[in-house]
């Protein structure tokens, strides 16, 4: 809805999602500008609130929860561009656990317009009921949702911007986003999404990164000497992190699928102790790994979040990526 006393449409961009009974939101001064010399967007307000109040904005983006959609990969059907969605609906009919009539679909080419003998599609299948709930929730902010986005493309935006800042835009880079409920991996090159996978989290890895490991560490011994006498050996301490194992498997799949695009860097996106988590993953994975600060994609004068700072950052990380959206396609 628009307030009758609003003289003209605002240029601001509002991005929001539900977090339990609360709403996380991000308000910027508009879509990101194009060009290498373009100024980054300004973050005007952001945070976590239990009370939705009107936030004037020119456009509103709502972010689906990962539980409310699937992202599937299929071979691109040989049909005209305008018929891709209809063809994809038939292709995924046996791949989803609900009737396809209960789903809204969108499609995008794997790797964008990259030329391959057999192109593939990402098919996003979102529950109609979840989209309806999002648009209803946005009404409390005085906005009509124009775009429904997903976490994978939001993380792609953060990763692509950081890769450009690190002079890696033409290289393949990956990002793993870790929070209490989700662990999501994306691989991008040239601003395009090539690969994504949802992983199981590993609280033990995060606890070690935060220095909260309770069991005694195995005594460091000279290289090649791996025996410790009696009860001094702790089998649990020597086990590999399941998250690291799954990251390695994903990297192996990537290298087999895209040998011409070796992975240049892995970024870790998490609200708590990101540098420590990145250092631990690098040590266990053997892959160059660094922390990515999602707020660094915006102008330097970032305001303090509304609500508890730690919870607000954790809730808003995917919204910060969605705020960088430059696509015009709508789900």
C-alpha atoms as a PDB file:
ATOM      1  CA  UNK A   1       0.000   0.000   0.000  1.00  0.00           C
ATOM      2  CA  UNK A   2       1.050   3.626  -0.499  1.00  0.00           C
ATOM      3  CA  UNK A   3       0.277   6.367   1.956  1.00  0.00           C
ATOM      4  CA  UNK A   4      -1.958   9.024   0.321  1.00  0.00           C
ATOM      5  CA  UNK A   5       0.262  11.861   1.531  1.00  0.00           C
ATOM      6  CA  UNK A   6       3.368  10.414  -0.182  1.00  0.00           C
ATOM      7  CA  UNK A   7       4.265  12.948  -2.873  1.00  0.00           C
ATOM      8  CA  UNK A   8       6.300  10.531  -4.970  1.00  0.00           C
ATOM      9  CA  UNK A   9       7.720   7.049  -4.950  1.00  0.00           C
ATOM     10  CA  UNK A  10      10.825   6.597  -2.820  1.00  0.00           C
ATOM     11  CA  UNK A  11      14.070   5.365  -4.416  1.00  0.00           C
ATOM     12  CA  UNK A  12      14.868   3.260  -1.353  1.00  0.00           C
ATOM     13  CA  UNK A  13      14.943  -0.544  -1.371  1.00  0.00           C
ATOM     14  CA  UNK A  14      13.468  -2.648   1.442  1.00  0.00           C
ATOM     15  CA  UNK A  15      14.413  -6.322   1.896  1.00  0.00           C
ATOM     16  CA  UNK A  16      12.777  -8.449   4.581  1.00  0.00           C
ATOM     17  CA  UNK A  17      12.151 -11.993   5.796  1.00  0.00           C
ATOM     18  CA  UNK A  18      10.383 -13.748   8.636  1.00  0.00           C
ATOM     19  CA  UNK A  19      12.483 -15.019  11.556  1.00  0.00           C
ATOM     20  CA  UNK A  20      10.068 -16.886  13.792  1.00  0.00           C
ATOM     21  CA  UNK A  21       7.558 -14.334  15.046  1.00  0.00           C
ATOM     22  CA  UNK A  22       9.881 -11.433  14.191  1.00  0.00           C
ATOM     23  CA  UNK A  23      10.944  -9.736  10.956  1.00  0.00           C
ATOM     24  CA  UNK A  24      14.499  -9.059   9.820  1.00  0.00           C
ATOM     25  CA  UNK A  25      14.781  -6.116   7.441  1.00  0.00           C
ATOM     26  CA  UNK A  26      17.347  -4.098   5.482  1.00  0.00           C
ATOM     27  CA  UNK A  27      16.711  -0.654   3.967  1.00  0.00           C
ATOM     28  CA  UNK A  28      19.191   0.774   1.424  1.00  0.00           C
ATOM     29  CA  UNK A  29      19.222   3.917  -0.670  1.00  0.00           C
ATOM     30  CA  UNK A  30      18.410   1.888  -3.775  1.00  0.00           C
ATOM     31  CA  UNK A  31      19.680  -0.858  -6.095  1.00  0.00           C
ATOM     32  CA  UNK A  32      23.460  -1.072  -6.570  1.00  0.00           C
ATOM     33  CA  UNK A  33      24.883   1.103  -9.309  1.00  0.00           C
ATOM     34  CA  UNK A  34      26.676  -0.488 -12.260  1.00  0.00           C
ATOM     35  CA  UNK A  35      30.331  -0.034 -13.184  1.00  0.00           C
ATOM     36  CA  UNK A  36      33.651  -0.669 -11.449  1.00  0.00           C
ATOM     37  CA  UNK A  37      33.812   2.931 -10.195  1.00  0.00           C
ATOM     38  CA  UNK A  38      30.226   3.040  -8.932  1.00  0.00           C
ATOM     39  CA  UNK A  39      29.648   3.987  -5.318  1.00  0.00           C
ATOM     40  CA  UNK A  40      28.399   1.141  -3.109  1.00  0.00           C
ATOM     41  CA  UNK A  41      24.811   1.415  -1.872  1.00  0.00           C
ATOM     42  CA  UNK A  42      24.197   3.002   1.522  1.00  0.00           C
ATOM     43  CA  UNK A  43      22.691   0.988   4.317  1.00  0.00           C
ATOM     44  CA  UNK A  44      20.068   3.265   5.902  1.00  0.00           C
ATOM     45  CA  UNK A  45      18.411   0.985   8.464  1.00  0.00           C
ATOM     46  CA  UNK A  46      18.585  -2.687   9.317  1.00  0.00           C
ATOM     47  CA  UNK A  47      17.846  -5.055  12.148  1.00  0.00           C
ATOM     48  CA  UNK A  48      15.417  -7.440  13.765  1.00  0.00           C
ATOM     49  CA  UNK A  49      12.035  -6.279  14.996  1.00  0.00           C
ATOM     50  CA  UNK A  50       8.985  -7.839  16.612  1.00  0.00           C
ATOM     51  CA  UNK A  51       6.751  -5.001  15.437  1.00  0.00           C
ATOM     52  CA  UNK A  52       6.315  -4.229  11.743  1.00  0.00           C
ATOM     53  CA  UNK A  53       6.013  -0.509  11.092  1.00  0.00           C
ATOM     54  CA  UNK A  54       5.825   1.357   7.764  1.00  0.00           C
ATOM     55  CA  UNK A  55       9.221   1.818   6.065  1.00  0.00           C
ATOM     56  CA  UNK A  56       8.875   3.973   2.920  1.00  0.00           C
ATOM     57  CA  UNK A  57      10.672   2.352  -0.031  1.00  0.00           C
ATOM     58  CA  UNK A  58      10.489   2.334  -3.799  1.00  0.00           C
ATOM     59  CA  UNK A  59      10.637  -1.430  -4.112  1.00  0.00           C
ATOM     60  CA  UNK A  60      10.369  -4.329  -1.703  1.00  0.00           C
ATOM     61  CA  UNK A  61      12.093  -7.714  -1.888  1.00  0.00           C
ATOM     62  CA  UNK A  62      11.024 -10.613   0.313  1.00  0.00           C
ATOM     63  CA  UNK A  63      13.384 -13.510   1.001  1.00  0.00           C
ATOM     64  CA  UNK A  64      12.008 -17.022   1.246  1.00  0.00           C
ATOM     65  CA  UNK A  65      13.173 -19.341   4.000  1.00  0.00           C
ATOM     66  CA  UNK A  66      15.169 -22.286   2.565  1.00  0.00           C
ATOM     67  CA  UNK A  67      12.581 -24.687   4.019  1.00  0.00           C
ATOM     68  CA  UNK A  68       9.955 -23.151   1.726  1.00  0.00           C
ATOM     69  CA  UNK A  69      11.599 -23.856  -1.617  1.00  0.00           C
ATOM     70  CA  UNK A  70      13.855 -26.266  -3.465  1.00  0.00           C
ATOM     71  CA  UNK A  71      16.507 -25.443  -6.032  1.00  0.00           C
ATOM     72  CA  UNK A  72      16.853 -28.252  -8.568  1.00  0.00           C
ATOM     73  CA  UNK A  73      19.157 -28.724 -11.540  1.00  0.00           C
ATOM     74  CA  UNK A  74      17.902 -30.177 -14.836  1.00  0.00           C
ATOM     75  CA  UNK A  75      19.051 -30.320 -18.443  1.00  0.00           C
ATOM     76  CA  UNK A  76      17.842 -27.359 -20.436  1.00  0.00           C
ATOM     77  CA  UNK A  77      14.855 -28.469 -22.536  1.00  0.00           C
ATOM     78  CA  UNK A  78      14.938 -27.731 -26.264  1.00  0.00           C
ATOM     79  CA  UNK A  79      12.128 -25.203 -26.249  1.00  0.00           C
ATOM     80  CA  UNK A  80      11.908 -21.440 -26.857  1.00  0.00           C
ATOM     81  CA  UNK A  81      12.958 -19.189 -23.969  1.00  0.00           C
ATOM     82  CA  UNK A  82       9.392 -18.207 -23.162  1.00  0.00           C
ATOM     83  CA  UNK A  83       8.445 -21.876 -22.698  1.00  0.00           C
ATOM     84  CA  UNK A  84      11.259 -22.826 -20.312  1.00  0.00           C
ATOM     85  CA  UNK A  85       9.177 -22.558 -17.145  1.00  0.00           C
ATOM     86  CA  UNK A  86       6.375 -24.686 -18.537  1.00  0.00           C
ATOM     87  CA  UNK A  87       8.835 -27.340 -19.703  1.00  0.00           C
ATOM     88  CA  UNK A  88      10.701 -27.268 -16.389  1.00  0.00           C
ATOM     89  CA  UNK A  89       7.437 -27.843 -14.527  1.00  0.00           C
ATOM     90  CA  UNK A  90       7.102 -31.212 -16.257  1.00  0.00           C
ATOM     91  CA  UNK A  91      10.772 -32.064 -15.695  1.00  0.00           C
ATOM     92  CA  UNK A  92      10.630 -31.603 -11.917  1.00  0.00           C
ATOM     93  CA  UNK A  93       7.222 -33.223 -11.432  1.00  0.00           C
ATOM     94  CA  UNK A  94       8.758 -36.357  -9.905  1.00  0.00           C
ATOM     95  CA  UNK A  95      11.496 -34.472  -8.043  1.00  0.00           C
ATOM     96  CA  UNK A  96       9.315 -32.513  -5.621  1.00  0.00           C
ATOM     97  CA  UNK A  97       7.277 -33.744  -2.661  1.00  0.00           C
ATOM     98  CA  UNK A  98       4.139 -31.688  -3.371  1.00  0.00           C
ATOM     99  CA  UNK A  99       1.818 -31.229  -6.315  1.00  0.00           C
ATOM    100  CA  UNK A 100       3.466 -28.898  -8.858  1.00  0.00           C
ATOM    101  CA  UNK A 101       0.247 -26.865  -8.942  1.00  0.00           C
ATOM    102  CA  UNK A 102       1.091 -25.764  -5.390  1.00  0.00           C
ATOM    103  CA  UNK A 103       4.440 -24.347  -6.537  1.00  0.00           C
ATOM    104  CA  UNK A 104       5.651 -21.170  -8.209  1.00  0.00           C
ATOM    105  CA  UNK A 105       8.640 -21.793 -10.488  1.00  0.00           C
ATOM    106  CA  UNK A 106      11.489 -19.677 -11.772  1.00  0.00           C
ATOM    107  CA  UNK A 107      14.443 -20.788 -13.866  1.00  0.00           C
ATOM    108  CA  UNK A 108      17.951 -19.537 -14.552  1.00  0.00           C
ATOM    109  CA  UNK A 109      20.785 -21.006 -16.574  1.00  0.00           C
ATOM    110  CA  UNK A 110      23.617 -22.627 -14.655  1.00  0.00           C
ATOM    111  CA  UNK A 111      26.570 -20.279 -15.131  1.00  0.00           C
ATOM    112  CA  UNK A 112      24.438 -17.674 -16.854  1.00  0.00           C
ATOM    113  CA  UNK A 113      25.033 -17.484 -20.604  1.00  0.00           C
ATOM    114  CA  UNK A 114      28.206 -19.594 -20.542  1.00  0.00           C
ATOM    115  CA  UNK A 115      28.494 -21.699 -23.694  1.00  0.00           C
ATOM    116  CA  UNK A 116      28.427 -25.470 -23.095  1.00  0.00           C
ATOM    117  CA  UNK A 117      27.455 -28.421 -25.311  1.00  0.00           C
ATOM    118  CA  UNK A 118      24.711 -29.370 -22.818  1.00  0.00           C
ATOM    119  CA  UNK A 119      23.348 -26.439 -20.853  1.00  0.00           C
ATOM    120  CA  UNK A 120      21.528 -26.899 -17.575  1.00  0.00           C
ATOM    121  CA  UNK A 121      18.925 -24.969 -15.607  1.00  0.00           C
ATOM    122  CA  UNK A 122      18.470 -24.168 -11.961  1.00  0.00           C
ATOM    123  CA  UNK A 123      14.765 -24.551 -11.232  1.00  0.00           C
ATOM    124  CA  UNK A 124      13.510 -22.785  -8.113  1.00  0.00           C
ATOM    125  CA  UNK A 125      10.308 -24.394  -6.849  1.00  0.00           C
ATOM    126  CA  UNK A 126       8.682 -22.317  -4.093  1.00  0.00           C
ATOM    127  CA  UNK A 127       5.492 -23.078  -2.166  1.00  0.00           C
ATOM    128  CA  UNK A 128       2.655 -20.746  -3.084  1.00  0.00           C
ATOM    129  CA  UNK A 129       1.569 -20.626   0.569  1.00  0.00           C
ATOM    130  CA  UNK A 130       5.024 -19.386   1.646  1.00  0.00           C
ATOM    131  CA  UNK A 131       5.010 -16.627  -0.959  1.00  0.00           C
ATOM    132  CA  UNK A 132       1.532 -15.562   0.170  1.00  0.00           C
ATOM    133  CA  UNK A 133       2.678 -15.457   3.801  1.00  0.00           C
ATOM    134  CA  UNK A 134       5.647 -13.263   2.845  1.00  0.00           C
ATOM    135  CA  UNK A 135       3.543 -10.770   0.946  1.00  0.00           C
ATOM    136  CA  UNK A 136       1.065 -10.611   3.821  1.00  0.00           C
ATOM    137  CA  UNK A 137       3.864  -9.962   6.308  1.00  0.00           C
ATOM    138  CA  UNK A 138       5.268  -7.171   4.149  1.00  0.00           C
ATOM    139  CA  UNK A 139       1.984  -5.301   4.391  1.00  0.00           C
ATOM    140  CA  UNK A 140       2.894  -4.359   7.961  1.00  0.00           C
ATOM    141  CA  UNK A 141       5.858  -2.423   6.569  1.00  0.00           C
ATOM    142  CA  UNK A 142       3.553  -0.504   4.256  1.00  0.00           C
ATOM    143  CA  UNK A 143       5.024  -2.142   1.152  1.00  0.00           C
ATOM    144  CA  UNK A 144       3.883  -4.396  -1.652  1.00  0.00           C
ATOM    145  CA  UNK A 145       6.420  -7.096  -2.458  1.00  0.00           C
ATOM    146  CA  UNK A 146       7.587  -6.856  -6.062  1.00  0.00           C
ATOM    147  CA  UNK A 147      10.288  -9.538  -5.973  1.00  0.00           C
ATOM    148  CA  UNK A 148      10.640 -12.794  -4.064  1.00  0.00           C
ATOM    149  CA  UNK A 149      14.269 -13.871  -3.804  1.00  0.00           C
ATOM    150  CA  UNK A 150      16.177 -16.880  -2.480  1.00  0.00           C
ATOM    151  CA  UNK A 151      19.283 -17.365  -0.350  1.00  0.00           C
ATOM    152  CA  UNK A 152      21.417 -18.864  -3.114  1.00  0.00           C
ATOM    153  CA  UNK A 153      21.220 -15.779  -5.315  1.00  0.00           C
ATOM    154  CA  UNK A 154      21.585 -13.474  -2.300  1.00  0.00           C
ATOM    155  CA  UNK A 155      24.832 -15.208  -1.335  1.00  0.00           C
ATOM    156  CA  UNK A 156      25.935 -15.095  -4.965  1.00  0.00           C
ATOM    157  CA  UNK A 157      25.603 -11.300  -4.841  1.00  0.00           C
ATOM    158  CA  UNK A 158      27.799 -11.036  -1.734  1.00  0.00           C
ATOM    159  CA  UNK A 159      30.355 -13.431  -3.173  1.00  0.00           C
ATOM    160  CA  UNK A 160      30.500 -11.719  -6.569  1.00  0.00           C
ATOM    161  CA  UNK A 161      31.037  -8.288  -5.015  1.00  0.00           C
ATOM    162  CA  UNK A 162      33.808  -9.569  -2.753  1.00  0.00           C
ATOM    163  CA  UNK A 163      35.469 -11.432  -5.633  1.00  0.00           C
ATOM    164  CA  UNK A 164      35.533  -8.205  -7.660  1.00  0.00           C
ATOM    165  CA  UNK A 165      37.060  -6.343  -4.719  1.00  0.00           C
ATOM    166  CA  UNK A 166      39.765  -9.031  -4.485  1.00  0.00           C
ATOM    167  CA  UNK A 167      40.462  -9.001  -8.251  1.00  0.00           C
ATOM    168  CA  UNK A 168      39.027 -12.500  -8.605  1.00  0.00           C
ATOM    169  CA  UNK A 169      35.939 -11.682 -10.669  1.00  0.00           C
ATOM    170  CA  UNK A 170      37.017 -13.892 -13.575  1.00  0.00           C
ATOM    171  CA  UNK A 171      37.972 -16.792 -11.307  1.00  0.00           C
ATOM    172  CA  UNK A 172      35.752 -19.376  -9.649  1.00  0.00           C
ATOM    173  CA  UNK A 173      35.195 -18.599  -5.966  1.00  0.00           C
ATOM    174  CA  UNK A 174      33.033 -20.270  -3.344  1.00  0.00           C
ATOM    175  CA  UNK A 175      31.263 -19.051  -0.234  1.00  0.00           C
ATOM    176  CA  UNK A 176      29.841 -21.065   2.637  1.00  0.00           C
ATOM    177  CA  UNK A 177      27.254 -19.371   4.830  1.00  0.00           C
ATOM    178  CA  UNK A 178      26.897 -20.824   8.314  1.00  0.00           C
ATOM    179  CA  UNK A 179      24.294 -19.993  10.940  1.00  0.00           C
ATOM    180  CA  UNK A 180      22.412 -21.906  13.617  1.00  0.00           C
ATOM    181  CA  UNK A 181      19.903 -23.403  11.175  1.00  0.00           C
ATOM    182  CA  UNK A 182      21.562 -23.321   7.760  1.00  0.00           C
ATOM    183  CA  UNK A 183      24.793 -24.201   6.033  1.00  0.00           C
ATOM    184  CA  UNK A 184      24.771 -23.245   2.370  1.00  0.00           C
ATOM    185  CA  UNK A 185      27.558 -23.437  -0.224  1.00  0.00           C
ATOM    186  CA  UNK A 186      27.614 -21.499  -3.511  1.00  0.00           C
ATOM    187  CA  UNK A 187      30.227 -21.354  -6.272  1.00  0.00           C
ATOM    188  CA  UNK A 188      30.285 -18.419  -8.680  1.00  0.00           C
ATOM    189  CA  UNK A 189      32.390 -17.092 -11.544  1.00  0.00           C
ATOM    190  CA  UNK A 190      31.898 -13.862 -13.446  1.00  0.00           C
ATOM    191  CA  UNK A 191      28.935 -12.854 -11.217  1.00  0.00           C
ATOM    192  CA  UNK A 192      27.027 -16.016 -12.170  1.00  0.00           C
ATOM    193  CA  UNK A 193      25.874 -18.915  -9.994  1.00  0.00           C
ATOM    194  CA  UNK A 194      27.349 -22.242 -11.138  1.00  0.00           C
ATOM    195  CA  UNK A 195      26.883 -24.579  -8.180  1.00  0.00           C
ATOM    196  CA  UNK A 196      25.036 -24.717  -4.890  1.00  0.00           C
ATOM    197  CA  UNK A 197      24.551 -27.269  -2.157  1.00  0.00           C
ATOM    198  CA  UNK A 198      22.956 -27.340   1.277  1.00  0.00           C
ATOM    199  CA  UNK A 199      25.217 -28.932   3.902  1.00  0.00           C
ATOM    200  CA  UNK A 200      24.761 -30.244   7.407  1.00  0.00           C
ATOM    201  CA  UNK A 201      26.080 -27.878  10.054  1.00  0.00           C
ATOM    202  CA  UNK A 202      28.841 -28.785  12.473  1.00  0.00           C
ATOM    203  CA  UNK A 203      28.461 -27.239  15.960  1.00  0.00           C
ATOM    204  CA  UNK A 204      31.708 -28.906  17.017  1.00  0.00           C
ATOM    205  CA  UNK A 205      33.671 -27.036  14.357  1.00  0.00           C
ATOM    206  CA  UNK A 206      32.167 -23.712  15.405  1.00  0.00           C
ATOM    207  CA  UNK A 207      32.826 -24.462  19.081  1.00  0.00           C
ATOM    208  CA  UNK A 208      36.484 -25.140  18.344  1.00  0.00           C
ATOM    209  CA  UNK A 209      36.756 -21.958  16.299  1.00  0.00           C
ATOM    210  CA  UNK A 210      35.305 -19.979  19.214  1.00  0.00           C
ATOM    211  CA  UNK A 211      37.650 -21.649  21.709  1.00  0.00           C
ATOM    212  CA  UNK A 212      34.828 -23.527  23.432  1.00  0.00           C
ATOM    213  CA  UNK A 213      36.278 -27.040  22.984  1.00  0.00           C
ATOM    214  CA  UNK A 214      35.873 -28.820  26.296  1.00  0.00           C
ATOM    215  CA  UNK A 215      37.834 -32.007  25.697  1.00  0.00           C
ATOM    216  CA  UNK A 216      41.584 -31.984  26.147  1.00  0.00           C
ATOM    217  CA  UNK A 217      43.461 -31.444  22.888  1.00  0.00           C
ATOM    218  CA  UNK A 218      45.753 -34.145  21.611  1.00  0.00           C
ATOM    219  CA  UNK A 219      49.360 -33.353  22.520  1.00  0.00           C
ATOM    220  CA  UNK A 220      51.278 -32.162  19.488  1.00  0.00           C
ATOM    221  CA  UNK A 221      53.984 -34.616  18.514  1.00  0.00           C
ATOM    222  CA  UNK A 222      56.783 -34.558  15.945  1.00  0.00           C
ATOM    223  CA  UNK A 223      55.722 -35.231  12.368  1.00  0.00           C
ATOM    224  CA  UNK A 224      55.343 -38.954  11.761  1.00  0.00           C
ATOM    225  CA  UNK A 225      54.922 -39.849  15.441  1.00  0.00           C
ATOM    226  CA  UNK A 226      51.196 -40.527  15.872  1.00  0.00           C
ATOM    227  CA  UNK A 227      51.054 -42.848  18.901  1.00  0.00           C
ATOM    228  CA  UNK A 228      50.013 -41.674  22.325  1.00  0.00           C
ATOM    229  CA  UNK A 229      50.045 -44.091  25.240  1.00  0.00           C
ATOM    230  CA  UNK A 230      46.986 -45.357  27.091  1.00  0.00           C
ATOM    231  CA  UNK A 231      44.099 -43.044  27.875  1.00  0.00           C
ATOM    232  CA  UNK A 232      45.945 -40.021  26.489  1.00  0.00           C
ATOM    233  CA  UNK A 233      44.547 -40.832  23.030  1.00  0.00           C
ATOM    234  CA  UNK A 234      41.217 -39.143  22.258  1.00  0.00           C
ATOM    235  CA  UNK A 235      39.679 -40.620  19.118  1.00  0.00           C
ATOM    236  CA  UNK A 236      37.058 -37.880  18.913  1.00  0.00           C
ATOM    237  CA  UNK A 237      39.640 -35.124  18.724  1.00  0.00           C
ATOM    238  CA  UNK A 238      41.248 -36.699  15.659  1.00  0.00           C
ATOM    239  CA  UNK A 239      38.021 -37.090  13.684  1.00  0.00           C
ATOM    240  CA  UNK A 240      37.494 -34.872  10.693  1.00  0.00           C
ATOM    241  CA  UNK A 241      34.723 -32.311  10.807  1.00  0.00           C
ATOM    242  CA  UNK A 242      31.702 -33.584   8.816  1.00  0.00           C
ATOM    243  CA  UNK A 243      31.292 -30.077   7.419  1.00  0.00           C
ATOM    244  CA  UNK A 244      34.879 -30.060   6.158  1.00  0.00           C
ATOM    245  CA  UNK A 245      34.366 -33.524   4.645  1.00  0.00           C
ATOM    246  CA  UNK A 246      31.281 -32.305   2.772  1.00  0.00           C
ATOM    247  CA  UNK A 247      33.083 -29.158   1.632  1.00  0.00           C
ATOM    248  CA  UNK A 248      35.887 -31.302   0.235  1.00  0.00           C
ATOM    249  CA  UNK A 249      33.394 -33.531  -1.576  1.00  0.00           C
ATOM    250  CA  UNK A 250      31.719 -30.482  -3.066  1.00  0.00           C
ATOM    251  CA  UNK A 251      35.050 -29.077  -4.227  1.00  0.00           C
ATOM    252  CA  UNK A 252      35.894 -32.439  -5.805  1.00  0.00           C
ATOM    253  CA  UNK A 253      32.572 -32.418  -7.668  1.00  0.00           C
ATOM    254  CA  UNK A 254      33.235 -28.865  -8.797  1.00  0.00           C
ATOM    255  CA  UNK A 255      36.708 -29.664 -10.131  1.00  0.00           C
ATOM    256  CA  UNK A 256      35.407 -32.670 -12.072  1.00  0.00           C
ATOM    257  CA  UNK A 257      32.503 -30.680 -13.520  1.00  0.00           C
ATOM    258  CA  UNK A 258      34.386 -27.475 -14.345  1.00  0.00           C
ATOM    259  CA  UNK A 259      38.097 -28.354 -14.743  1.00  0.00           C
ATOM    260  CA  UNK A 260      38.660 -25.126 -16.662  1.00  0.00           C
ATOM    261  CA  UNK A 261      37.621 -23.101 -13.576  1.00  0.00           C
ATOM    262  CA  UNK A 262      39.761 -24.187 -10.621  1.00  0.00           C
ATOM    263  CA  UNK A 263      38.563 -22.813  -7.289  1.00  0.00           C
ATOM    264  CA  UNK A 264      40.580 -19.728  -6.359  1.00  0.00           C
ATOM    265  CA  UNK A 265      39.225 -19.028  -2.887  1.00  0.00           C
ATOM    266  CA  UNK A 266      36.655 -20.091  -0.324  1.00  0.00           C
ATOM    267  CA  UNK A 267      34.927 -17.395   1.713  1.00  0.00           C
ATOM    268  CA  UNK A 268      33.218 -17.996   5.048  1.00  0.00           C
ATOM    269  CA  UNK A 269      30.146 -15.915   5.904  1.00  0.00           C
ATOM    270  CA  UNK A 270      28.966 -16.179   9.491  1.00  0.00           C
ATOM    271  CA  UNK A 271      27.894 -13.688  12.137  1.00  0.00           C
ATOM    272  CA  UNK A 272      30.098 -15.014  14.926  1.00  0.00           C
ATOM    273  CA  UNK A 273      33.907 -15.396  14.902  1.00  0.00           C
ATOM    274  CA  UNK A 274      34.123 -15.542  11.095  1.00  0.00           C
ATOM    275  CA  UNK A 275      37.953 -15.114  10.898  1.00  0.00           C
ATOM    276  CA  UNK A 276      38.476 -17.934  13.399  1.00  0.00           C
ATOM    277  CA  UNK A 277      36.043 -20.216  11.563  1.00  0.00           C
ATOM    278  CA  UNK A 278      37.764 -19.447   8.252  1.00  0.00           C
ATOM    279  CA  UNK A 279      41.209 -20.155   9.715  1.00  0.00           C
ATOM    280  CA  UNK A 280      40.045 -23.482  11.117  1.00  0.00           C
ATOM    281  CA  UNK A 281      38.427 -24.555   7.823  1.00  0.00           C
ATOM    282  CA  UNK A 282      41.559 -23.575   5.907  1.00  0.00           C
ATOM    283  CA  UNK A 283      43.702 -25.632   8.263  1.00  0.00           C
ATOM    284  CA  UNK A 284      41.491 -28.708   7.930  1.00  0.00           C
ATOM    285  CA  UNK A 285      40.571 -28.342   4.254  1.00  0.00           C
ATOM    286  CA  UNK A 286      43.851 -27.128   2.802  1.00  0.00           C
ATOM    287  CA  UNK A 287      41.992 -24.599   0.617  1.00  0.00           C
ATOM    288  CA  UNK A 288      42.671 -20.859   0.760  1.00  0.00           C
ATOM    289  CA  UNK A 289      39.838 -19.667   3.029  1.00  0.00           C
ATOM    290  CA  UNK A 290      39.059 -16.178   4.334  1.00  0.00           C
ATOM    291  CA  UNK A 291      36.189 -14.483   6.163  1.00  0.00           C
ATOM    292  CA  UNK A 292      33.759 -12.320   4.188  1.00  0.00           C
ATOM    293  CA  UNK A 293      32.255  -9.299   5.921  1.00  0.00           C
ATOM    294  CA  UNK A 294      28.754  -8.816   4.432  1.00  0.00           C
ATOM    295  CA  UNK A 295      28.626  -5.190   5.629  1.00  0.00           C
ATOM    296  CA  UNK A 296      31.726  -4.353   3.567  1.00  0.00           C
ATOM    297  CA  UNK A 297      29.581  -4.377   0.416  1.00  0.00           C
ATOM    298  CA  UNK A 298      27.960  -1.121   1.550  1.00  0.00           C
ATOM    299  CA  UNK A 299      29.140   2.440   2.112  1.00  0.00           C
ATOM    300  CA  UNK A 300      31.307   2.958   5.174  1.00  0.00           C
ATOM    301  CA  UNK A 301      28.766   4.807   7.335  1.00  0.00           C
ATOM    302  CA  UNK A 302      26.831   1.684   8.363  1.00  0.00           C
ATOM    303  CA  UNK A 303      24.318   2.486  11.148  1.00  0.00           C
ATOM    304  CA  UNK A 304      23.910   0.350  14.240  1.00  0.00           C
ATOM    305  CA  UNK A 305      21.298  -2.394  13.833  1.00  0.00           C
ATOM    306  CA  UNK A 306      17.899  -2.241  15.451  1.00  0.00           C
ATOM    307  CA  UNK A 307      17.469  -4.955  18.059  1.00  0.00           C
ATOM    308  CA  UNK A 308      20.173  -7.180  19.541  1.00  0.00           C
ATOM    309  CA  UNK A 309      23.324  -6.634  17.380  1.00  0.00           C
ATOM    310  CA  UNK A 310      24.479 -10.272  17.245  1.00  0.00           C
ATOM    311  CA  UNK A 311      21.024 -11.660  16.447  1.00  0.00           C
ATOM    312  CA  UNK A 312      20.359  -8.861  13.969  1.00  0.00           C
ATOM    313  CA  UNK A 313      23.527  -9.552  11.969  1.00  0.00           C
ATOM    314  CA  UNK A 314      22.847 -13.287  11.872  1.00  0.00           C
ATOM    315  CA  UNK A 315      19.290 -12.666  10.669  1.00  0.00           C
ATOM    316  CA  UNK A 316      20.215 -10.009   8.118  1.00  0.00           C
ATOM    317  CA  UNK A 317      23.187 -11.629   6.331  1.00  0.00           C
ATOM    318  CA  UNK A 318      21.085 -13.093   3.494  1.00  0.00           C
ATOM    319  CA  UNK A 319      19.071  -9.858   3.285  1.00  0.00           C
ATOM    320  CA  UNK A 320      22.264  -7.871   2.757  1.00  0.00           C
ATOM    321  CA  UNK A 321      22.993 -10.074  -0.246  1.00  0.00           C
ATOM    322  CA  UNK A 322      19.471  -9.709  -1.615  1.00  0.00           C
ATOM    323  CA  UNK A 323      19.798  -5.921  -1.278  1.00  0.00           C
ATOM    324  CA  UNK A 324      22.610  -6.117  -3.869  1.00  0.00           C
ATOM    325  CA  UNK A 325      20.304  -7.708  -6.426  1.00  0.00           C
ATOM    326  CA  UNK A 326      20.712  -6.250  -9.899  1.00  0.00           C
ATOM    327  CA  UNK A 327      18.466  -8.668 -11.835  1.00  0.00           C
ATOM    328  CA  UNK A 328      15.070  -7.617 -13.118  1.00  0.00           C
ATOM    329  CA  UNK A 329      13.688 -11.169 -13.322  1.00  0.00           C
ATOM    330  CA  UNK A 330      10.916 -11.850 -10.801  1.00  0.00           C
ATOM    331  CA  UNK A 331       9.942 -15.164  -9.218  1.00  0.00           C
END
